[in-house]
Structures are given as structure tokens and as C-alpha cells.
Amino acid sequence: MRLSDLDADPIGQLQRWIDDAAKATVKEPTSMCLATADRAGCPSARIVLLRGLDHRGLRFYTSYFSRKGRELAENPQVAALFHWPALERQVRVEGVAEMLSEDESDEYFATRPRGHQLAAWASEQSEPIEGREILEERFAHFDQRFAGEPVPRPHSWGGYLLKPSRFEFWLGRVDRMHDRFEFARSGAAWLASRLQP
């Protein structure tokens, strides 16, 4: 693969590869490993789903009080990794995360399945709990509380925008002679280069 084969806009290239993964019936083609770090720089990582991609960056949603939410409040530097082994492709993204507006979080929350909405109320994400039955009781409580009406977004839950400053596109090749391409933000432009495998 040549650098000229890639979209000049790395957001567009990421969308192409996500679309390719979806066409190849990859399960959860938008899943990404999101890495955050606390104030001291101690990292943690987990799989989340990409819930939006546009010229601004990548969007994902979570509890603001979850471990990742707390770490994002302390240290907005993040990294994300998409990996599609069947296609021998991966994409690394680095940048800064910032909270989305309440309107944008409300809009997305309204599209979620009702059960997912209720779970956002029932679970104090990342906090210890004595047993699953307590979660199920909370879920039933909120199901009854919001019976017959739309479930509003809890103020403790919402979205983030990962504003990228760097992308790396990796394509597996024979003999580990992989193709690697980096896009680094320079003002409003992206500077692209090939990296050695």
C-alpha cells in the first residue's frame, strides 16, 4: 500500500476502514480500546464503542463517575485503538477528550434501547456492590419509576469527544514488513508520513 492510497483526511480513512470491517461482518466493527490515565499518569484501558465520527473527532459515552470518567476529569489525554484481526488492520488514535454538550448527550441517550437507558440509572458504574440482586432491584425500581414515559438522561451520564492529534494506520504484511502510516496534526492540516514496521 502507498501513502497516496489513503484518504488525505485520517477521519475519512478511519471511516473507510470501519465500513470495510462492517462489510466483512466483523463483530462490533466500532469497538475500540480506550486508554485513559489518572493525574499521576497511571494508565487503564477498556473496550468501548465508537458512537460517532465526524470532522471534530470520535464520540463515546459513559458515566461521568466511572473510573474512565474520573480519569478524564483529571487528565484529558487519551488514546484509542481499533483492531480488526481478520482484516490485518489496526488504527491508533491519540488526542484530548472533552465533554460533549448536554444537548448532544441528550440526543444520543434518546436513541438508546430502553433497557440501556434504565441501566444508566441503575448502575453506579465502577463502584463496588454487594450482589447482582441489588442491581436488578435498582433496575426494576427505575423501570417502574419511568413506566409509560421516556427515560431521561441521568446527569451523571453523557458523551465525550476525542479530538485527535495523531493517527496511525497499520496494515499487516508478509514477513512482518507491515505498512504503517502516521497522520500528525499541524494547525488545521494533517502531515502524513510512512513509518518503518
C-alpha atoms as a PDB file:
ATOM      1  CA  MET A   1       0.000   0.000   0.000  1.00  0.00           C
ATOM      2  CA  ARG A   2       1.155   3.523  -0.801  1.00  0.00           C
ATOM      3  CA  LEU A   3       0.535   6.628   1.242  1.00  0.00           C
ATOM      4  CA  SER A   4      -1.336   8.028  -1.753  1.00  0.00           C
ATOM      5  CA  ASP A   5      -3.854   5.154  -1.443  1.00  0.00           C
ATOM      6  CA  LEU A   6      -5.090   6.599   1.839  1.00  0.00           C
ATOM      7  CA  ASP A   7      -7.586   9.396   2.280  1.00  0.00           C
ATOM      8  CA  ALA A   8      -5.784  12.689   2.953  1.00  0.00           C
ATOM      9  CA  ASP A   9      -8.124  13.151   5.919  1.00  0.00           C
ATOM     10  CA  PRO A  10      -7.449  10.471   8.576  1.00  0.00           C
ATOM     11  CA  ILE A  11     -11.034  10.766   9.878  1.00  0.00           C
ATOM     12  CA  GLY A  12     -12.236   9.791   6.414  1.00  0.00           C
ATOM     13  CA  GLN A  13      -9.731   6.932   6.272  1.00  0.00           C
ATOM     14  CA  LEU A  14     -10.860   5.627   9.664  1.00  0.00           C
ATOM     15  CA  GLN A  15     -14.465   5.687   8.458  1.00  0.00           C
ATOM     16  CA  ARG A  16     -13.445   3.719   5.334  1.00  0.00           C
ATOM     17  CA  TRP A  17     -11.797   1.013   7.419  1.00  0.00           C
ATOM     18  CA  ILE A  18     -14.760   0.824   9.813  1.00  0.00           C
ATOM     19  CA  ASP A  19     -17.042   0.441   6.794  1.00  0.00           C
ATOM     20  CA  ASP A  20     -14.757  -2.294   5.407  1.00  0.00           C
ATOM     21  CA  ALA A  21     -14.900  -4.125   8.741  1.00  0.00           C
ATOM     22  CA  ALA A  22     -18.698  -3.891   8.771  1.00  0.00           C
ATOM     23  CA  LYS A  23     -18.895  -5.237   5.196  1.00  0.00           C
ATOM     24  CA  ALA A  24     -16.617  -8.103   6.240  1.00  0.00           C
ATOM     25  CA  THR A  25     -19.173  -8.864   9.009  1.00  0.00           C
ATOM     26  CA  VAL A  26     -16.646  -8.218  11.756  1.00  0.00           C
ATOM     27  CA  LYS A  27     -18.472  -8.368  15.091  1.00  0.00           C
ATOM     28  CA  GLU A  28     -18.613  -4.894  16.670  1.00  0.00           C
ATOM     29  CA  PRO A  29     -16.569  -3.080  13.983  1.00  0.00           C
ATOM     30  CA  THR A  30     -16.738   0.139  16.036  1.00  0.00           C
ATOM     31  CA  SER A  31     -15.277  -1.352  19.209  1.00  0.00           C
ATOM     32  CA  MET A  32     -12.122   0.377  20.374  1.00  0.00           C
ATOM     33  CA  CYS A  33      -9.761   0.039  23.288  1.00  0.00           C
ATOM     34  CA  LEU A  34      -9.821   3.376  25.106  1.00  0.00           C
ATOM     35  CA  ALA A  35      -6.834   4.186  27.309  1.00  0.00           C
ATOM     36  CA  THR A  36      -7.002   6.876  29.967  1.00  0.00           C
ATOM     37  CA  ALA A  37      -4.647   7.842  32.775  1.00  0.00           C
ATOM     38  CA  ASP A  38      -5.100   9.392  36.184  1.00  0.00           C
ATOM     39  CA  ARG A  39      -3.443  12.551  37.498  1.00  0.00           C
ATOM     40  CA  ALA A  40      -0.268  10.585  38.319  1.00  0.00           C
ATOM     41  CA  GLY A  41      -0.120   9.098  34.812  1.00  0.00           C
ATOM     42  CA  CYS A  42      -1.154   5.545  35.815  1.00  0.00           C
ATOM     43  CA  PRO A  43      -2.956   4.103  32.778  1.00  0.00           C
ATOM     44  CA  SER A  44      -6.078   1.989  32.442  1.00  0.00           C
ATOM     45  CA  ALA A  45      -7.781   0.632  29.335  1.00  0.00           C
ATOM     46  CA  ARG A  46     -11.117  -0.870  28.378  1.00  0.00           C
ATOM     47  CA  ILE A  47     -13.213  -1.605  25.291  1.00  0.00           C
ATOM     48  CA  VAL A  48     -15.898   0.953  24.412  1.00  0.00           C
ATOM     49  CA  LEU A  49     -17.980   1.510  21.291  1.00  0.00           C
ATOM     50  CA  LEU A  50     -17.411   4.422  18.945  1.00  0.00           C
ATOM     51  CA  ARG A  51     -20.764   6.197  18.769  1.00  0.00           C
ATOM     52  CA  GLY A  52     -19.994   8.928  16.280  1.00  0.00           C
ATOM     53  CA  LEU A  53     -17.279  10.097  13.919  1.00  0.00           C
ATOM     54  CA  ASP A  54     -17.071  13.425  12.106  1.00  0.00           C
ATOM     55  CA  HIS A  55     -14.658  16.263  11.345  1.00  0.00           C
ATOM     56  CA  ARG A  56     -14.495  17.121  15.074  1.00  0.00           C
ATOM     57  CA  GLY A  57     -13.332  13.672  16.155  1.00  0.00           C
ATOM     58  CA  LEU A  58     -14.580  10.480  17.804  1.00  0.00           C
ATOM     59  CA  ARG A  59     -17.545  10.278  20.185  1.00  0.00           C
ATOM     60  CA  PHE A  60     -18.182   7.811  23.007  1.00  0.00           C
ATOM     61  CA  TYR A  61     -20.473   7.813  26.043  1.00  0.00           C
ATOM     62  CA  THR A  62     -20.166   6.706  29.656  1.00  0.00           C
ATOM     63  CA  SER A  63     -20.875   7.567  33.267  1.00  0.00           C
ATOM     64  CA  TYR A  64     -19.004  10.697  34.313  1.00  0.00           C
ATOM     65  CA  PHE A  65     -18.373   8.995  37.679  1.00  0.00           C
ATOM     66  CA  SER A  66     -16.969   5.757  36.229  1.00  0.00           C
ATOM     67  CA  ARG A  67     -13.245   5.149  36.502  1.00  0.00           C
ATOM     68  CA  LYS A  68     -12.714   6.441  32.968  1.00  0.00           C
ATOM     69  CA  GLY A  69     -14.917   9.465  33.655  1.00  0.00           C
ATOM     70  CA  ARG A  70     -12.950  10.320  36.786  1.00  0.00           C
ATOM     71  CA  GLU A  71      -9.646   9.866  34.962  1.00  0.00           C
ATOM     72  CA  LEU A  72     -10.800  12.043  32.069  1.00  0.00           C
ATOM     73  CA  ALA A  73     -11.623  14.793  34.571  1.00  0.00           C
ATOM     74  CA  GLU A  74      -8.080  14.563  35.971  1.00  0.00           C
ATOM     75  CA  ASN A  75      -6.198  14.018  32.720  1.00  0.00           C
ATOM     76  CA  PRO A  76      -7.876  14.550  29.323  1.00  0.00           C
ATOM     77  CA  GLN A  77      -5.037  12.901  27.340  1.00  0.00           C
ATOM     78  CA  VAL A  78      -6.358   9.684  25.789  1.00  0.00           C
ATOM     79  CA  ALA A  79      -5.515   7.012  23.236  1.00  0.00           C
ATOM     80  CA  ALA A  80      -7.792   4.656  21.340  1.00  0.00           C
ATOM     81  CA  LEU A  81      -7.066   1.522  19.332  1.00  0.00           C
ATOM     82  CA  PHE A  82      -9.215  -0.188  16.715  1.00  0.00           C
ATOM     83  CA  HIS A  83      -8.138  -3.728  15.796  1.00  0.00           C
ATOM     84  CA  TRP A  84      -9.658  -5.915  13.106  1.00  0.00           C
ATOM     85  CA  PRO A  85      -7.539  -9.126  13.087  1.00  0.00           C
ATOM     86  CA  ALA A  86      -9.476 -10.723  10.211  1.00  0.00           C
ATOM     87  CA  LEU A  87      -8.505  -7.762   8.004  1.00  0.00           C
ATOM     88  CA  GLU A  88      -4.982  -7.436   9.449  1.00  0.00           C
ATOM     89  CA  ARG A  89      -5.648  -3.791  10.213  1.00  0.00           C
ATOM     90  CA  GLN A  90      -5.430  -1.546  13.209  1.00  0.00           C
ATOM     91  CA  VAL A  91      -5.724   2.178  13.830  1.00  0.00           C
ATOM     92  CA  ARG A  92      -4.214   4.077  16.741  1.00  0.00           C
ATOM     93  CA  VAL A  93      -5.644   7.469  17.716  1.00  0.00           C
ATOM     94  CA  GLU A  94      -4.210   9.908  20.253  1.00  0.00           C
ATOM     95  CA  GLY A  95      -5.644  13.197  21.438  1.00  0.00           C
ATOM     96  CA  VAL A  96      -7.604  15.017  24.107  1.00  0.00           C
ATOM     97  CA  ALA A  97     -11.115  14.194  25.313  1.00  0.00           C
ATOM     98  CA  GLU A  98     -13.651  16.830  26.245  1.00  0.00           C
ATOM     99  CA  MET A  99     -17.250  16.517  27.398  1.00  0.00           C
ATOM    100  CA  LEU A 100     -19.957  16.903  24.780  1.00  0.00           C
ATOM    101  CA  SER A 101     -22.772  19.389  25.280  1.00  0.00           C
ATOM    102  CA  GLU A 102     -25.805  18.338  27.298  1.00  0.00           C
ATOM    103  CA  ASP A 103     -27.935  18.671  24.152  1.00  0.00           C
ATOM    104  CA  GLU A 104     -25.735  16.251  22.214  1.00  0.00           C
ATOM    105  CA  SER A 105     -25.701  13.789  25.115  1.00  0.00           C
ATOM    106  CA  ASP A 106     -29.494  14.054  25.444  1.00  0.00           C
ATOM    107  CA  GLU A 107     -29.941  13.464  21.730  1.00  0.00           C
ATOM    108  CA  TYR A 108     -27.841  10.309  21.751  1.00  0.00           C
ATOM    109  CA  PHE A 109     -29.351   8.993  25.014  1.00  0.00           C
ATOM    110  CA  ALA A 110     -32.830   9.216  23.480  1.00  0.00           C
ATOM    111  CA  THR A 111     -31.752   6.766  20.715  1.00  0.00           C
ATOM    112  CA  ARG A 112     -30.592   4.066  23.146  1.00  0.00           C
ATOM    113  CA  PRO A 113     -32.726   0.985  23.846  1.00  0.00           C
ATOM    114  CA  ARG A 114     -34.895   1.471  26.922  1.00  0.00           C
ATOM    115  CA  GLY A 115     -33.022  -1.242  28.840  1.00  0.00           C
ATOM    116  CA  HIS A 116     -29.729   0.557  28.260  1.00  0.00           C
ATOM    117  CA  GLN A 117     -31.294   3.796  29.450  1.00  0.00           C
ATOM    118  CA  LEU A 118     -32.554   2.155  32.632  1.00  0.00           C
ATOM    119  CA  ALA A 119     -29.153   0.570  33.259  1.00  0.00           C
ATOM    120  CA  ALA A 120     -27.575   4.034  33.217  1.00  0.00           C
ATOM    121  CA  TRP A 121     -29.840   4.927  36.155  1.00  0.00           C
ATOM    122  CA  ALA A 122     -29.473   1.598  37.973  1.00  0.00           C
ATOM    123  CA  SER A 123     -25.688   1.283  37.908  1.00  0.00           C
ATOM    124  CA  GLU A 124     -23.182   3.489  39.699  1.00  0.00           C
ATOM    125  CA  GLN A 125     -20.545   2.394  37.197  1.00  0.00           C
ATOM    126  CA  SER A 126     -17.206   1.159  38.596  1.00  0.00           C
ATOM    127  CA  GLU A 127     -18.395   1.325  42.232  1.00  0.00           C
ATOM    128  CA  PRO A 128     -18.353  -1.830  44.422  1.00  0.00           C
ATOM    129  CA  ILE A 129     -21.682  -3.577  45.080  1.00  0.00           C
ATOM    130  CA  GLU A 130     -22.567  -6.466  47.384  1.00  0.00           C
ATOM    131  CA  GLY A 131     -24.511  -8.519  44.867  1.00  0.00           C
ATOM    132  CA  ARG A 132     -26.181  -8.599  41.478  1.00  0.00           C
ATOM    133  CA  GLU A 133     -29.624  -8.730  43.078  1.00  0.00           C
ATOM    134  CA  ILE A 134     -29.160  -5.119  44.234  1.00  0.00           C
ATOM    135  CA  LEU A 135     -28.556  -4.056  40.616  1.00  0.00           C
ATOM    136  CA  GLU A 136     -31.635  -5.959  39.483  1.00  0.00           C
ATOM    137  CA  GLU A 137     -33.721  -4.309  42.227  1.00  0.00           C
ATOM    138  CA  ARG A 138     -32.486  -0.873  41.154  1.00  0.00           C
ATOM    139  CA  PHE A 139     -33.244  -1.676  37.514  1.00  0.00           C
ATOM    140  CA  ALA A 140     -36.792  -2.749  38.440  1.00  0.00           C
ATOM    141  CA  HIS A 141     -37.222   0.402  40.549  1.00  0.00           C
ATOM    142  CA  PHE A 142     -36.319   2.720  37.666  1.00  0.00           C
ATOM    143  CA  ASP A 143     -38.368   0.660  35.201  1.00  0.00           C
ATOM    144  CA  GLN A 144     -41.390   1.292  37.429  1.00  0.00           C
ATOM    145  CA  ARG A 145     -40.462   4.933  38.109  1.00  0.00           C
ATOM    146  CA  PHE A 146     -40.365   5.739  34.380  1.00  0.00           C
ATOM    147  CA  ALA A 147     -43.227   3.425  33.361  1.00  0.00           C
ATOM    148  CA  GLY A 148     -45.133   4.765  30.384  1.00  0.00           C
ATOM    149  CA  GLU A 149     -42.812   7.702  29.760  1.00  0.00           C
ATOM    150  CA  PRO A 150     -39.456   8.378  28.102  1.00  0.00           C
ATOM    151  CA  VAL A 151     -36.420   7.719  30.285  1.00  0.00           C
ATOM    152  CA  PRO A 152     -34.492  10.981  30.791  1.00  0.00           C
ATOM    153  CA  ARG A 153     -30.703  11.053  30.690  1.00  0.00           C
ATOM    154  CA  PRO A 154     -29.132  10.946  34.150  1.00  0.00           C
ATOM    155  CA  HIS A 155     -26.942  13.998  34.763  1.00  0.00           C
ATOM    156  CA  SER A 156     -24.137  11.602  35.712  1.00  0.00           C
ATOM    157  CA  TRP A 157     -24.023  10.135  32.193  1.00  0.00           C
ATOM    158  CA  GLY A 158     -23.001  11.657  28.881  1.00  0.00           C
ATOM    159  CA  GLY A 159     -20.638  11.882  25.983  1.00  0.00           C
ATOM    160  CA  TYR A 160     -17.061  12.765  25.208  1.00  0.00           C
ATOM    161  CA  LEU A 161     -15.371  13.950  22.067  1.00  0.00           C
ATOM    162  CA  LEU A 162     -11.885  12.597  21.410  1.00  0.00           C
ATOM    163  CA  LYS A 163     -10.216  15.414  19.483  1.00  0.00           C
ATOM    164  CA  PRO A 164      -7.389  13.650  17.644  1.00  0.00           C
ATOM    165  CA  SER A 165      -3.870  14.966  17.243  1.00  0.00           C
ATOM    166  CA  ARG A 166      -2.335  11.781  15.819  1.00  0.00           C
ATOM    167  CA  PHE A 167      -3.451   8.710  13.861  1.00  0.00           C
ATOM    168  CA  GLU A 168      -1.512   5.643  12.852  1.00  0.00           C
ATOM    169  CA  PHE A 169      -2.873   3.208  10.260  1.00  0.00           C
ATOM    170  CA  TRP A 170      -1.324  -0.267  10.322  1.00  0.00           C
ATOM    171  CA  LEU A 171      -1.769  -2.936   7.671  1.00  0.00           C
ATOM    172  CA  GLY A 172      -0.292  -6.402   8.207  1.00  0.00           C
ATOM    173  CA  ARG A 173       2.104  -7.753   5.578  1.00  0.00           C
ATOM    174  CA  VAL A 174       4.123 -10.941   4.984  1.00  0.00           C
ATOM    175  CA  ASP A 175       7.415 -11.325   6.893  1.00  0.00           C
ATOM    176  CA  ARG A 176       6.306  -8.583   9.307  1.00  0.00           C
ATOM    177  CA  MET A 177       7.037  -5.969   6.632  1.00  0.00           C
ATOM    178  CA  HIS A 178       3.900  -4.151   7.700  1.00  0.00           C
ATOM    179  CA  ASP A 179       2.620  -0.878   6.257  1.00  0.00           C
ATOM    180  CA  ARG A 180       2.403   1.909   8.849  1.00  0.00           C
ATOM    181  CA  PHE A 181       1.236   5.439   8.114  1.00  0.00           C
ATOM    182  CA  GLU A 182       1.140   8.324  10.565  1.00  0.00           C
ATOM    183  CA  PHE A 183      -1.010  11.445  10.380  1.00  0.00           C
ATOM    184  CA  ALA A 184       0.049  14.203  12.793  1.00  0.00           C
ATOM    185  CA  ARG A 185      -1.955  17.376  13.328  1.00  0.00           C
ATOM    186  CA  SER A 186      -0.196  20.591  12.301  1.00  0.00           C
ATOM    187  CA  GLY A 187      -2.558  23.508  12.880  1.00  0.00           C
ATOM    188  CA  ALA A 188      -5.622  22.829  10.740  1.00  0.00           C
ATOM    189  CA  ALA A 189      -3.727  20.408   8.460  1.00  0.00           C
ATOM    190  CA  TRP A 190      -2.600  16.797   8.735  1.00  0.00           C
ATOM    191  CA  LEU A 191       1.001  15.834   7.934  1.00  0.00           C
ATOM    192  CA  ALA A 192       1.248  12.273   6.648  1.00  0.00           C
ATOM    193  CA  SER A 193       4.299  10.019   6.610  1.00  0.00           C
ATOM    194  CA  ARG A 194       5.221   6.358   6.265  1.00  0.00           C
ATOM    195  CA  LEU A 195       6.739   4.654   9.316  1.00  0.00           C
ATOM    196  CA  GLN A 196       9.049   1.662   9.267  1.00  0.00           C
ATOM    197  CA  PRO A 197       7.434  -1.547  10.503  1.00  0.00           C
END
